[in-house]
Amino acid sequence: MPKHLTPHDALLLLLGQQQRVFKKLGASARIGMARVFWGYALWLGLLPPLCAYLGARRHGWRLGPGEPLYMSDAMALAVSGAYFAAMLAGFFLATALAAWMARSYAARNSLGHCGALIALAGTPFALGGVFHLYPSLALNLGVLIPASVWSAALLYAGLPKILRTNSARGMLMASSLIGVLLVALAGLLALTMLLWVNGLGPGLAV
């Protein structure tokens, strides 16, 4: 079995075999960050923006019971491109934060292992992005909220095993990491709404 993150691991997660993946990654002496990115994280990060683009062009965004909001092809492409950039930025930010925090929690601070942990934990959220193919706000919230909870659970469970620290320090580190990422997410949502209100996105007005 290869000792790095592969698309097959996403299937194992869906089948409830995450402990098998944690054990494999934790036992690996070295994981290349480039391999994690090019072999897993890049394609995982591409899935939600691609589905969002296709869904926006075909169905329009449904924010409530009214008529759907449509974007031009160029606007949908720009918004999806920004979404993709945000996904990649989030991956690299979380990986760098995990590697930096690891020193304080007596954990393995290899970028490759940290990147594998973040990519693995983000898998449910990214796979939930498939529902962007029908971009209804209610549907997507109904899927992405539990997917985010699942991602957080994977981070808590996987961090001690992949980064080789004890459960108490692993829980504290995972909590700190999630706290920082939630602040970053809130800032991103505020920026997104500001851009939409000012014309970059569906025709919103306040």
N, C-alpha and C. Protein backbone atom coordinates (compact mmCIF):
# COMPACT_ATOMS: atom_id res chain seq x y z
N MET A 1 0.85 -1.20 0.00
CA MET A 1 0.00 0.00 0.00
C MET A 1 0.88 1.25 0.00
N PRO A 2 0.64 2.22 -0.92
CA PRO A 2 1.48 3.44 -0.94
C PRO A 2 1.30 4.24 0.33
N LYS A 3 2.43 4.78 0.84
CA LYS A 3 2.40 5.52 2.10
C LYS A 3 2.25 7.02 1.85
N HIS A 4 1.30 7.38 1.01
CA HIS A 4 0.98 8.79 0.79
C HIS A 4 -0.51 8.89 0.51
N LEU A 5 -1.02 10.10 0.47
CA LEU A 5 -2.45 10.32 0.28
C LEU A 5 -2.82 10.08 -1.18
N THR A 6 -3.85 9.28 -1.41
CA THR A 6 -4.30 8.98 -2.77
C THR A 6 -5.82 9.16 -2.86
N PRO A 7 -6.35 9.29 -4.09
CA PRO A 7 -7.81 9.39 -4.23
C PRO A 7 -8.54 8.19 -3.65
N HIS A 8 -7.89 7.05 -3.59
CA HIS A 8 -8.51 5.87 -2.99
C HIS A 8 -8.86 6.11 -1.52
N ASP A 9 -8.09 6.97 -0.86
CA ASP A 9 -8.35 7.26 0.55
C ASP A 9 -9.68 7.98 0.73
N ALA A 10 -10.09 8.78 -0.25
CA ALA A 10 -11.39 9.44 -0.17
C ALA A 10 -12.51 8.40 -0.15
N LEU A 11 -12.34 7.34 -0.93
CA LEU A 11 -13.32 6.26 -0.94
C LEU A 11 -13.35 5.55 0.42
N LEU A 12 -12.17 5.34 1.00
CA LEU A 12 -12.11 4.70 2.31
C LEU A 12 -12.85 5.54 3.36
N LEU A 13 -12.71 6.87 3.27
CA LEU A 13 -13.43 7.74 4.21
C LEU A 13 -14.93 7.56 4.07
N LEU A 14 -15.41 7.53 2.84
CA LEU A 14 -16.84 7.38 2.60
C LEU A 14 -17.35 6.03 3.10
N LEU A 15 -16.47 5.03 3.13
CA LEU A 15 -16.85 3.70 3.60
C LEU A 15 -16.64 3.54 5.11
N GLY A 16 -16.25 4.65 5.77
CA GLY A 16 -16.08 4.60 7.22
C GLY A 16 -14.79 3.96 7.69
N GLN A 17 -13.79 3.91 6.82
CA GLN A 17 -12.52 3.27 7.18
C GLN A 17 -11.42 4.31 7.39
N GLN A 18 -11.76 5.42 8.04
CA GLN A 18 -10.79 6.49 8.23
C GLN A 18 -9.61 6.06 9.10
N GLN A 19 -9.83 5.16 10.05
CA GLN A 19 -8.73 4.71 10.91
C GLN A 19 -7.63 4.04 10.09
N ARG A 20 -8.02 3.35 9.06
CA ARG A 20 -7.05 2.71 8.17
C ARG A 20 -6.18 3.76 7.48
N VAL A 21 -6.81 4.86 7.06
CA VAL A 21 -6.07 5.94 6.40
C VAL A 21 -5.15 6.64 7.40
N PHE A 22 -5.67 6.92 8.60
CA PHE A 22 -4.85 7.55 9.64
C PHE A 22 -3.60 6.72 9.93
N LYS A 23 -3.81 5.42 10.07
CA LYS A 23 -2.69 4.52 10.39
C LYS A 23 -1.64 4.53 9.29
N LYS A 24 -2.10 4.51 8.04
CA LYS A 24 -1.17 4.52 6.91
C LYS A 24 -0.34 5.79 6.88
N LEU A 25 -1.00 6.94 7.02
CA LEU A 25 -0.28 8.21 6.96
C LEU A 25 0.62 8.41 8.18
N GLY A 26 0.15 7.98 9.33
CA GLY A 26 0.96 8.11 10.54
C GLY A 26 2.21 7.27 10.50
N ALA A 27 2.13 6.11 9.81
CA ALA A 27 3.28 5.21 9.73
C ALA A 27 4.30 5.65 8.69
N SER A 28 3.93 6.61 7.84
CA SER A 28 4.85 7.06 6.79
C SER A 28 5.91 7.98 7.36
N ALA A 29 7.18 7.64 7.11
CA ALA A 29 8.28 8.48 7.62
C ALA A 29 8.34 9.81 6.88
N ARG A 30 7.94 9.82 5.61
CA ARG A 30 8.02 11.05 4.82
C ARG A 30 6.86 11.09 3.83
N ILE A 31 6.21 12.23 3.74
CA ILE A 31 5.17 12.48 2.75
C ILE A 31 5.53 13.78 2.03
N GLY A 32 5.62 13.73 0.73
CA GLY A 32 5.99 14.92 -0.04
C GLY A 32 4.81 15.86 -0.19
N MET A 33 5.02 17.14 0.14
CA MET A 33 3.95 18.13 0.02
C MET A 33 3.50 18.27 -1.43
N ALA A 34 4.44 18.23 -2.37
CA ALA A 34 4.08 18.36 -3.78
C ALA A 34 3.18 17.21 -4.21
N ARG A 35 3.45 16.03 -3.69
CA ARG A 35 2.64 14.87 -4.05
C ARG A 35 1.24 14.99 -3.48
N VAL A 36 1.12 15.50 -2.26
CA VAL A 36 -0.20 15.73 -1.66
C VAL A 36 -1.00 16.73 -2.49
N PHE A 37 -0.33 17.81 -2.91
CA PHE A 37 -1.02 18.85 -3.65
C PHE A 37 -1.43 18.39 -5.04
N TRP A 38 -0.47 17.92 -5.83
CA TRP A 38 -0.74 17.56 -7.22
C TRP A 38 -1.54 16.27 -7.35
N GLY A 39 -1.39 15.38 -6.38
CA GLY A 39 -2.07 14.10 -6.49
C GLY A 39 -3.43 14.03 -5.81
N TYR A 40 -3.75 15.04 -4.97
CA TYR A 40 -4.99 14.93 -4.20
C TYR A 40 -5.67 16.29 -4.00
N ALA A 41 -4.99 17.20 -3.32
CA ALA A 41 -5.63 18.45 -2.90
C ALA A 41 -6.09 19.31 -4.08
N LEU A 42 -5.29 19.38 -5.13
CA LEU A 42 -5.65 20.21 -6.28
C LEU A 42 -6.97 19.77 -6.89
N TRP A 43 -7.13 18.46 -7.09
CA TRP A 43 -8.34 17.95 -7.75
C TRP A 43 -9.54 18.01 -6.81
N LEU A 44 -9.27 17.81 -5.53
CA LEU A 44 -10.34 17.93 -4.55
C LEU A 44 -10.84 19.37 -4.49
N GLY A 45 -9.91 20.33 -4.52
CA GLY A 45 -10.27 21.74 -4.48
C GLY A 45 -10.96 22.22 -5.74
N LEU A 46 -10.72 21.53 -6.85
CA LEU A 46 -11.34 21.92 -8.12
C LEU A 46 -12.81 21.51 -8.20
N LEU A 47 -13.19 20.48 -7.46
CA LEU A 47 -14.54 19.91 -7.58
C LEU A 47 -15.66 20.91 -7.24
N PRO A 48 -15.64 21.57 -6.06
CA PRO A 48 -16.75 22.49 -5.75
C PRO A 48 -16.87 23.67 -6.73
N PRO A 49 -15.76 24.35 -7.11
CA PRO A 49 -15.91 25.46 -8.06
C PRO A 49 -16.43 25.02 -9.42
N LEU A 50 -15.97 23.86 -9.88
CA LEU A 50 -16.45 23.36 -11.17
C LEU A 50 -17.94 23.07 -11.13
N CYS A 51 -18.39 22.42 -10.06
CA CYS A 51 -19.83 22.13 -9.91
C CYS A 51 -20.63 23.43 -9.75
N ALA A 52 -20.05 24.41 -9.03
CA ALA A 52 -20.73 25.69 -8.86
C ALA A 52 -20.91 26.40 -10.20
N TYR A 53 -19.88 26.36 -11.04
CA TYR A 53 -19.96 26.99 -12.36
C TYR A 53 -21.05 26.33 -13.21
N LEU A 54 -21.03 25.00 -13.26
CA LEU A 54 -22.01 24.28 -14.08
C LEU A 54 -23.42 24.50 -13.56
N GLY A 55 -23.58 24.47 -12.22
CA GLY A 55 -24.90 24.66 -11.65
C GLY A 55 -25.43 26.07 -11.85
N ALA A 56 -24.55 27.07 -11.71
CA ALA A 56 -24.97 28.47 -11.87
C ALA A 56 -25.41 28.75 -13.30
N ARG A 57 -24.70 28.18 -14.25
CA ARG A 57 -25.04 28.42 -15.65
C ARG A 57 -26.32 27.69 -16.06
N ARG A 58 -26.54 26.51 -15.48
CA ARG A 58 -27.68 25.71 -15.90
C ARG A 58 -28.96 26.06 -15.14
N HIS A 59 -28.84 26.26 -13.82
CA HIS A 59 -30.03 26.43 -12.99
C HIS A 59 -30.16 27.82 -12.37
N GLY A 60 -29.05 28.56 -12.23
CA GLY A 60 -29.08 29.81 -11.49
C GLY A 60 -29.11 29.54 -10.00
N TRP A 61 -28.70 30.53 -9.22
CA TRP A 61 -28.69 30.36 -7.76
C TRP A 61 -30.07 30.65 -7.19
N ARG A 62 -30.54 29.74 -6.35
CA ARG A 62 -31.84 29.90 -5.69
C ARG A 62 -31.60 30.24 -4.22
N LEU A 63 -31.80 31.50 -3.88
CA LEU A 63 -31.55 31.97 -2.52
C LEU A 63 -32.80 31.94 -1.66
N GLY A 64 -33.93 31.61 -2.25
CA GLY A 64 -35.20 31.58 -1.53
C GLY A 64 -36.29 31.08 -2.46
N PRO A 65 -37.54 31.37 -2.14
CA PRO A 65 -38.66 30.86 -2.95
C PRO A 65 -38.86 31.61 -4.26
N GLY A 66 -38.16 32.71 -4.46
CA GLY A 66 -38.37 33.51 -5.67
C GLY A 66 -37.67 32.93 -6.89
N GLU A 67 -37.55 33.74 -7.90
CA GLU A 67 -36.90 33.34 -9.13
C GLU A 67 -35.40 33.16 -8.92
N PRO A 68 -34.78 32.20 -9.61
CA PRO A 68 -33.34 32.01 -9.49
C PRO A 68 -32.56 33.20 -10.05
N LEU A 69 -31.37 33.40 -9.52
CA LEU A 69 -30.50 34.49 -9.96
C LEU A 69 -29.45 33.93 -10.91
N TYR A 70 -29.36 34.51 -12.09
CA TYR A 70 -28.42 34.02 -13.10
C TYR A 70 -27.25 34.98 -13.26
N MET A 71 -26.11 34.42 -13.63
CA MET A 71 -24.92 35.21 -13.95
C MET A 71 -24.56 34.98 -15.41
N SER A 72 -23.88 35.94 -15.98
CA SER A 72 -23.34 35.74 -17.32
C SER A 72 -22.25 34.67 -17.25
N ASP A 73 -21.89 34.14 -18.40
CA ASP A 73 -20.85 33.12 -18.45
C ASP A 73 -19.54 33.65 -17.88
N ALA A 74 -19.20 34.87 -18.26
CA ALA A 74 -17.94 35.46 -17.78
C ALA A 74 -17.98 35.68 -16.26
N MET A 75 -19.12 36.12 -15.75
CA MET A 75 -19.24 36.36 -14.31
C MET A 75 -19.19 35.05 -13.54
N ALA A 76 -19.90 34.02 -14.05
CA ALA A 76 -19.88 32.71 -13.39
C ALA A 76 -18.46 32.14 -13.38
N LEU A 77 -17.73 32.35 -14.46
CA LEU A 77 -16.35 31.86 -14.54
C LEU A 77 -15.46 32.61 -13.54
N ALA A 78 -15.67 33.92 -13.42
CA ALA A 78 -14.87 34.71 -12.48
C ALA A 78 -15.15 34.32 -11.04
N VAL A 79 -16.43 34.13 -10.71
CA VAL A 79 -16.80 33.74 -9.34
C VAL A 79 -16.26 32.35 -9.02
N SER A 80 -16.37 31.43 -9.97
CA SER A 80 -15.87 30.07 -9.75
C SER A 80 -14.35 30.07 -9.62
N GLY A 81 -13.69 30.91 -10.42
CA GLY A 81 -12.23 31.02 -10.31
C GLY A 81 -11.81 31.56 -8.95
N ALA A 82 -12.56 32.56 -8.44
CA ALA A 82 -12.26 33.09 -7.11
C ALA A 82 -12.52 32.04 -6.03
N TYR A 83 -13.55 31.24 -6.22
CA TYR A 83 -13.88 30.15 -5.31
C TYR A 83 -12.72 29.14 -5.27
N PHE A 84 -12.22 28.79 -6.44
CA PHE A 84 -11.10 27.84 -6.53
C PHE A 84 -9.86 28.41 -5.84
N ALA A 85 -9.58 29.69 -6.09
CA ALA A 85 -8.43 30.34 -5.44
C ALA A 85 -8.59 30.34 -3.93
N ALA A 86 -9.82 30.57 -3.45
CA ALA A 86 -10.07 30.57 -2.00
C ALA A 86 -9.87 29.17 -1.42
N MET A 87 -10.29 28.13 -2.15
CA MET A 87 -10.10 26.76 -1.68
C MET A 87 -8.61 26.44 -1.55
N LEU A 88 -7.83 26.81 -2.56
CA LEU A 88 -6.40 26.53 -2.51
C LEU A 88 -5.71 27.36 -1.43
N ALA A 89 -6.11 28.62 -1.30
CA ALA A 89 -5.53 29.47 -0.26
C ALA A 89 -5.84 28.90 1.12
N GLY A 90 -7.07 28.41 1.31
CA GLY A 90 -7.44 27.80 2.58
C GLY A 90 -6.62 26.57 2.89
N PHE A 91 -6.36 25.76 1.86
CA PHE A 91 -5.54 24.56 2.05
C PHE A 91 -4.12 24.93 2.48
N PHE A 92 -3.50 25.87 1.77
CA PHE A 92 -2.12 26.24 2.10
C PHE A 92 -2.03 26.97 3.44
N LEU A 93 -3.03 27.82 3.72
CA LEU A 93 -3.04 28.51 5.01
C LEU A 93 -3.16 27.51 6.16
N ALA A 94 -4.10 26.57 6.04
CA ALA A 94 -4.31 25.59 7.11
C ALA A 94 -3.08 24.70 7.26
N THR A 95 -2.45 24.33 6.15
CA THR A 95 -1.24 23.49 6.22
C THR A 95 -0.11 24.23 6.92
N ALA A 96 0.10 25.50 6.54
CA ALA A 96 1.17 26.29 7.17
C ALA A 96 0.88 26.50 8.66
N LEU A 97 -0.38 26.76 8.99
CA LEU A 97 -0.75 26.94 10.41
C LEU A 97 -0.51 25.65 11.20
N ALA A 98 -0.88 24.52 10.62
CA ALA A 98 -0.70 23.24 11.31
C ALA A 98 0.79 22.97 11.55
N ALA A 99 1.62 23.23 10.54
CA ALA A 99 3.06 23.01 10.70
C ALA A 99 3.65 23.95 11.74
N TRP A 100 3.16 25.19 11.78
CA TRP A 100 3.66 26.16 12.76
C TRP A 100 3.21 25.80 14.17
N MET A 101 1.92 25.41 14.31
CA MET A 101 1.39 25.05 15.62
C MET A 101 2.00 23.76 16.16
N ALA A 102 2.39 22.86 15.27
CA ALA A 102 2.86 21.54 15.69
C ALA A 102 4.04 21.64 16.66
N ARG A 103 4.88 22.64 16.49
CA ARG A 103 6.03 22.78 17.38
C ARG A 103 5.58 23.01 18.83
N SER A 104 4.48 23.72 18.99
CA SER A 104 3.99 24.02 20.34
C SER A 104 3.28 22.84 20.99
N TYR A 105 2.86 21.87 20.18
CA TYR A 105 2.10 20.75 20.71
C TYR A 105 2.87 19.43 20.61
N ALA A 106 4.19 19.52 20.47
CA ALA A 106 5.05 18.33 20.40
C ALA A 106 4.57 17.36 19.32
N ALA A 107 4.18 17.91 18.17
CA ALA A 107 3.66 17.09 17.07
C ALA A 107 4.62 17.16 15.89
N ARG A 108 4.45 16.26 14.99
CA ARG A 108 5.24 16.21 13.76
C ARG A 108 4.91 17.46 12.92
N ASN A 109 5.95 18.21 12.53
CA ASN A 109 5.67 19.47 11.82
C ASN A 109 6.07 19.42 10.34
N SER A 110 6.13 18.23 9.79
CA SER A 110 6.40 18.05 8.36
C SER A 110 5.27 18.66 7.54
N LEU A 111 5.62 19.47 6.55
CA LEU A 111 4.60 20.08 5.68
C LEU A 111 3.79 19.01 4.96
N GLY A 112 4.46 17.94 4.54
CA GLY A 112 3.76 16.87 3.83
C GLY A 112 2.70 16.20 4.69
N HIS A 113 3.06 15.89 5.95
CA HIS A 113 2.09 15.27 6.84
C HIS A 113 0.96 16.24 7.19
N CYS A 114 1.32 17.49 7.42
CA CYS A 114 0.28 18.50 7.73
C CYS A 114 -0.64 18.71 6.54
N GLY A 115 -0.07 18.76 5.33
CA GLY A 115 -0.88 18.91 4.13
C GLY A 115 -1.80 17.72 3.92
N ALA A 116 -1.29 16.51 4.18
CA ALA A 116 -2.12 15.32 4.05
C ALA A 116 -3.27 15.35 5.05
N LEU A 117 -2.99 15.77 6.28
CA LEU A 117 -4.04 15.88 7.30
C LEU A 117 -5.12 16.87 6.88
N ILE A 118 -4.72 18.04 6.43
CA ILE A 118 -5.69 19.08 6.04
C ILE A 118 -6.50 18.62 4.83
N ALA A 119 -5.84 18.04 3.84
CA ALA A 119 -6.55 17.56 2.65
C ALA A 119 -7.54 16.46 3.01
N LEU A 120 -7.11 15.57 3.88
CA LEU A 120 -7.98 14.47 4.30
C LEU A 120 -9.18 15.01 5.07
N ALA A 121 -8.93 15.92 6.01
CA ALA A 121 -10.03 16.48 6.80
C ALA A 121 -10.98 17.29 5.93
N GLY A 122 -10.48 17.92 4.88
CA GLY A 122 -11.32 18.72 4.01
C GLY A 122 -12.10 17.92 2.98
N THR A 123 -11.85 16.61 2.91
CA THR A 123 -12.49 15.79 1.89
C THR A 123 -14.02 15.80 1.96
N PRO A 124 -14.66 15.62 3.12
CA PRO A 124 -16.13 15.66 3.14
C PRO A 124 -16.71 16.99 2.67
N PHE A 125 -16.07 18.09 3.08
CA PHE A 125 -16.55 19.42 2.66
C PHE A 125 -16.44 19.56 1.15
N ALA A 126 -15.30 19.14 0.58
CA ALA A 126 -15.11 19.28 -0.86
C ALA A 126 -16.07 18.38 -1.63
N LEU A 127 -16.28 17.16 -1.17
CA LEU A 127 -17.20 16.26 -1.85
C LEU A 127 -18.63 16.76 -1.75
N GLY A 128 -18.95 17.45 -0.66
CA GLY A 128 -20.28 18.05 -0.54
C GLY A 128 -20.52 19.12 -1.59
N GLY A 129 -19.43 19.67 -2.15
CA GLY A 129 -19.56 20.67 -3.19
C GLY A 129 -20.19 20.15 -4.46
N VAL A 130 -20.32 18.83 -4.61
CA VAL A 130 -21.00 18.26 -5.77
C VAL A 130 -22.44 18.77 -5.85
N PHE A 131 -23.02 19.09 -4.69
CA PHE A 131 -24.40 19.58 -4.66
C PHE A 131 -24.53 20.99 -5.20
N HIS A 132 -23.40 21.65 -5.50
CA HIS A 132 -23.46 22.93 -6.19
C HIS A 132 -24.02 22.77 -7.61
N LEU A 133 -24.07 21.54 -8.09
CA LEU A 133 -24.67 21.31 -9.41
C LEU A 133 -26.12 21.76 -9.44
N TYR A 134 -26.77 21.74 -8.30
CA TYR A 134 -28.10 22.37 -8.18
C TYR A 134 -27.98 23.41 -7.08
N PRO A 135 -27.60 24.64 -7.44
CA PRO A 135 -27.24 25.65 -6.44
C PRO A 135 -28.42 26.29 -5.72
N SER A 136 -29.07 25.48 -4.89
CA SER A 136 -30.11 25.98 -3.99
C SER A 136 -29.46 26.24 -2.64
N LEU A 137 -29.69 27.41 -2.07
CA LEU A 137 -29.08 27.76 -0.79
C LEU A 137 -29.48 26.76 0.30
N ALA A 138 -30.77 26.41 0.35
CA ALA A 138 -31.24 25.48 1.38
C ALA A 138 -30.59 24.11 1.23
N LEU A 139 -30.54 23.61 0.00
CA LEU A 139 -29.93 22.30 -0.25
C LEU A 139 -28.46 22.29 0.11
N ASN A 140 -27.74 23.31 -0.32
CA ASN A 140 -26.30 23.34 -0.08
C ASN A 140 -25.97 23.51 1.39
N LEU A 141 -26.74 24.33 2.11
CA LEU A 141 -26.52 24.44 3.55
C LEU A 141 -26.84 23.13 4.25
N GLY A 142 -27.89 22.46 3.79
CA GLY A 142 -28.27 21.18 4.37
C GLY A 142 -27.22 20.11 4.19
N VAL A 143 -26.41 20.23 3.15
CA VAL A 143 -25.33 19.27 2.90
C VAL A 143 -24.01 19.73 3.52
N LEU A 144 -23.66 20.99 3.32
CA LEU A 144 -22.33 21.46 3.71
C LEU A 144 -22.16 21.63 5.22
N ILE A 145 -23.25 21.90 5.95
CA ILE A 145 -23.11 22.01 7.41
C ILE A 145 -22.72 20.66 8.03
N PRO A 146 -23.45 19.56 7.74
CA PRO A 146 -23.00 18.28 8.28
C PRO A 146 -21.65 17.83 7.71
N ALA A 147 -21.36 18.19 6.45
CA ALA A 147 -20.06 17.84 5.87
C ALA A 147 -18.94 18.55 6.61
N SER A 148 -19.18 19.80 7.01
CA SER A 148 -18.18 20.55 7.78
C SER A 148 -17.96 19.93 9.16
N VAL A 149 -19.06 19.46 9.78
CA VAL A 149 -18.94 18.78 11.08
C VAL A 149 -18.11 17.50 10.93
N TRP A 150 -18.35 16.78 9.85
CA TRP A 150 -17.59 15.56 9.56
C TRP A 150 -16.11 15.89 9.36
N SER A 151 -15.84 16.97 8.63
CA SER A 151 -14.45 17.39 8.42
C SER A 151 -13.77 17.72 9.75
N ALA A 152 -14.48 18.43 10.63
CA ALA A 152 -13.91 18.75 11.94
C ALA A 152 -13.64 17.48 12.75
N ALA A 153 -14.57 16.52 12.68
CA ALA A 153 -14.38 15.26 13.40
C ALA A 153 -13.17 14.51 12.88
N LEU A 154 -12.95 14.53 11.57
CA LEU A 154 -11.76 13.88 10.99
C LEU A 154 -10.49 14.56 11.47
N LEU A 155 -10.53 15.89 11.58
CA LEU A 155 -9.35 16.63 12.05
C LEU A 155 -9.02 16.24 13.49
N TYR A 156 -10.04 16.20 14.34
CA TYR A 156 -9.82 15.83 15.74
C TYR A 156 -9.30 14.39 15.87
N ALA A 157 -9.89 13.49 15.08
CA ALA A 157 -9.51 12.08 15.20
C ALA A 157 -8.17 11.78 14.53
N GLY A 158 -7.90 12.46 13.42
CA GLY A 158 -6.71 12.14 12.65
C GLY A 158 -5.44 12.84 13.09
N LEU A 159 -5.57 14.02 13.67
CA LEU A 159 -4.38 14.80 14.01
C LEU A 159 -3.41 14.06 14.94
N PRO A 160 -3.87 13.48 16.05
CA PRO A 160 -2.90 12.80 16.93
C PRO A 160 -2.20 11.63 16.25
N LYS A 161 -2.90 10.94 15.35
CA LYS A 161 -2.33 9.76 14.71
C LYS A 161 -1.38 10.12 13.57
N ILE A 162 -1.75 11.12 12.78
CA ILE A 162 -0.91 11.49 11.63
C ILE A 162 0.28 12.34 12.05
N LEU A 163 0.06 13.25 12.99
CA LEU A 163 1.14 14.14 13.43
C LEU A 163 1.85 13.63 14.68
N ARG A 164 1.47 12.46 15.13
CA ARG A 164 2.19 11.77 16.21
C ARG A 164 2.29 12.60 17.50
N THR A 165 1.16 12.90 18.09
CA THR A 165 1.13 13.54 19.40
C THR A 165 0.05 12.86 20.22
N ASN A 166 -0.02 13.17 21.51
CA ASN A 166 -1.03 12.49 22.33
C ASN A 166 -2.41 13.12 22.13
N SER A 167 -3.43 12.43 22.63
CA SER A 167 -4.81 12.85 22.37
C SER A 167 -5.13 14.23 22.94
N ALA A 168 -4.62 14.52 24.14
CA ALA A 168 -4.92 15.82 24.77
C ALA A 168 -4.33 16.96 23.96
N ARG A 169 -3.05 16.84 23.60
CA ARG A 169 -2.42 17.90 22.80
C ARG A 169 -3.05 17.96 21.41
N GLY A 170 -3.42 16.80 20.87
CA GLY A 170 -4.06 16.78 19.56
C GLY A 170 -5.39 17.51 19.56
N MET A 171 -6.17 17.33 20.62
CA MET A 171 -7.46 18.02 20.72
C MET A 171 -7.27 19.53 20.84
N LEU A 172 -6.29 19.95 21.65
CA LEU A 172 -6.03 21.38 21.79
C LEU A 172 -5.56 21.99 20.48
N MET A 173 -4.67 21.29 19.78
CA MET A 173 -4.16 21.81 18.52
C MET A 173 -5.26 21.90 17.47
N ALA A 174 -6.08 20.84 17.38
CA ALA A 174 -7.18 20.84 16.41
C ALA A 174 -8.16 21.97 16.71
N SER A 175 -8.45 22.20 17.99
CA SER A 175 -9.38 23.28 18.38
C SER A 175 -8.81 24.64 18.00
N SER A 176 -7.51 24.83 18.23
CA SER A 176 -6.87 26.10 17.87
C SER A 176 -6.90 26.32 16.37
N LEU A 177 -6.63 25.26 15.63
CA LEU A 177 -6.61 25.36 14.17
C LEU A 177 -8.00 25.68 13.64
N ILE A 178 -9.01 25.02 14.16
CA ILE A 178 -10.38 25.28 13.72
C ILE A 178 -10.80 26.71 14.06
N GLY A 179 -10.40 27.19 15.24
CA GLY A 179 -10.73 28.56 15.63
C GLY A 179 -10.18 29.59 14.66
N VAL A 180 -8.92 29.42 14.28
CA VAL A 180 -8.31 30.36 13.33
C VAL A 180 -8.98 30.28 11.97
N LEU A 181 -9.28 29.07 11.52
CA LEU A 181 -9.90 28.90 10.21
C LEU A 181 -11.33 29.44 10.19
N LEU A 182 -12.04 29.35 11.29
CA LEU A 182 -13.39 29.93 11.34
C LEU A 182 -13.36 31.45 11.23
N VAL A 183 -12.37 32.06 11.86
CA VAL A 183 -12.22 33.52 11.73
C VAL A 183 -11.91 33.89 10.28
N ALA A 184 -11.02 33.11 9.65
CA ALA A 184 -10.69 33.36 8.24
C ALA A 184 -11.91 33.16 7.35
N LEU A 185 -12.72 32.13 7.65
CA LEU A 185 -13.93 31.88 6.86
C LEU A 185 -14.94 33.01 7.00
N ALA A 186 -15.10 33.51 8.21
CA ALA A 186 -16.03 34.63 8.43
C ALA A 186 -15.59 35.86 7.63
N GLY A 187 -14.29 36.12 7.61
CA GLY A 187 -13.78 37.23 6.82
C GLY A 187 -14.02 37.03 5.34
N LEU A 188 -13.84 35.79 4.87
CA LEU A 188 -14.06 35.49 3.45
C LEU A 188 -15.53 35.66 3.07
N LEU A 189 -16.43 35.21 3.94
CA LEU A 189 -17.86 35.36 3.65
C LEU A 189 -18.27 36.83 3.60
N ALA A 190 -17.70 37.62 4.51
CA ALA A 190 -18.01 39.06 4.50
C ALA A 190 -17.50 39.70 3.22
N LEU A 191 -16.30 39.32 2.80
CA LEU A 191 -15.75 39.87 1.56
C LEU A 191 -16.58 39.44 0.36
N THR A 192 -17.02 38.18 0.35
CA THR A 192 -17.84 37.67 -0.76
C THR A 192 -19.14 38.45 -0.86
N MET A 193 -19.81 38.66 0.26
CA MET A 193 -21.07 39.40 0.24
C MET A 193 -20.85 40.84 -0.23
N LEU A 194 -19.75 41.43 0.20
CA LEU A 194 -19.44 42.80 -0.22
C LEU A 194 -19.25 42.87 -1.73
N LEU A 195 -18.54 41.89 -2.28
CA LEU A 195 -18.31 41.86 -3.73
C LEU A 195 -19.61 41.62 -4.48
N TRP A 196 -20.45 40.73 -3.96
CA TRP A 196 -21.72 40.44 -4.63
C TRP A 196 -22.62 41.68 -4.64
N VAL A 197 -22.70 42.36 -3.52
CA VAL A 197 -23.54 43.56 -3.44
C VAL A 197 -23.06 44.64 -4.40
N ASN A 198 -21.75 44.65 -4.65
CA ASN A 198 -21.18 45.67 -5.53
C ASN A 198 -21.02 45.20 -6.97
N GLY A 199 -21.70 44.09 -7.31
CA GLY A 199 -21.79 43.72 -8.72
C GLY A 199 -21.01 42.52 -9.16
N LEU A 200 -20.11 41.96 -8.33
CA LEU A 200 -19.34 40.78 -8.73
C LEU A 200 -20.10 39.55 -8.24
N GLY A 201 -21.03 39.06 -9.07
CA GLY A 201 -21.83 37.92 -8.68
C GLY A 201 -23.25 38.10 -9.16
N PRO A 202 -24.21 37.38 -8.58
CA PRO A 202 -25.62 37.57 -8.97
C PRO A 202 -26.09 38.99 -8.70
N GLY A 203 -27.18 39.33 -9.26
CA GLY A 203 -27.70 40.70 -9.12
C GLY A 203 -28.33 40.94 -7.76
N LEU A 204 -27.50 41.11 -6.74
CA LEU A 204 -28.00 41.41 -5.40
C LEU A 204 -28.01 42.92 -5.21
N ALA A 205 -28.92 43.37 -4.39
CA ALA A 205 -28.96 44.80 -4.08
C ALA A 205 -29.43 44.99 -2.67
N VAL A 206 -28.90 46.02 -2.00
CA VAL A 206 -29.32 46.35 -0.64
C VAL A 206 -29.65 47.83 -0.58
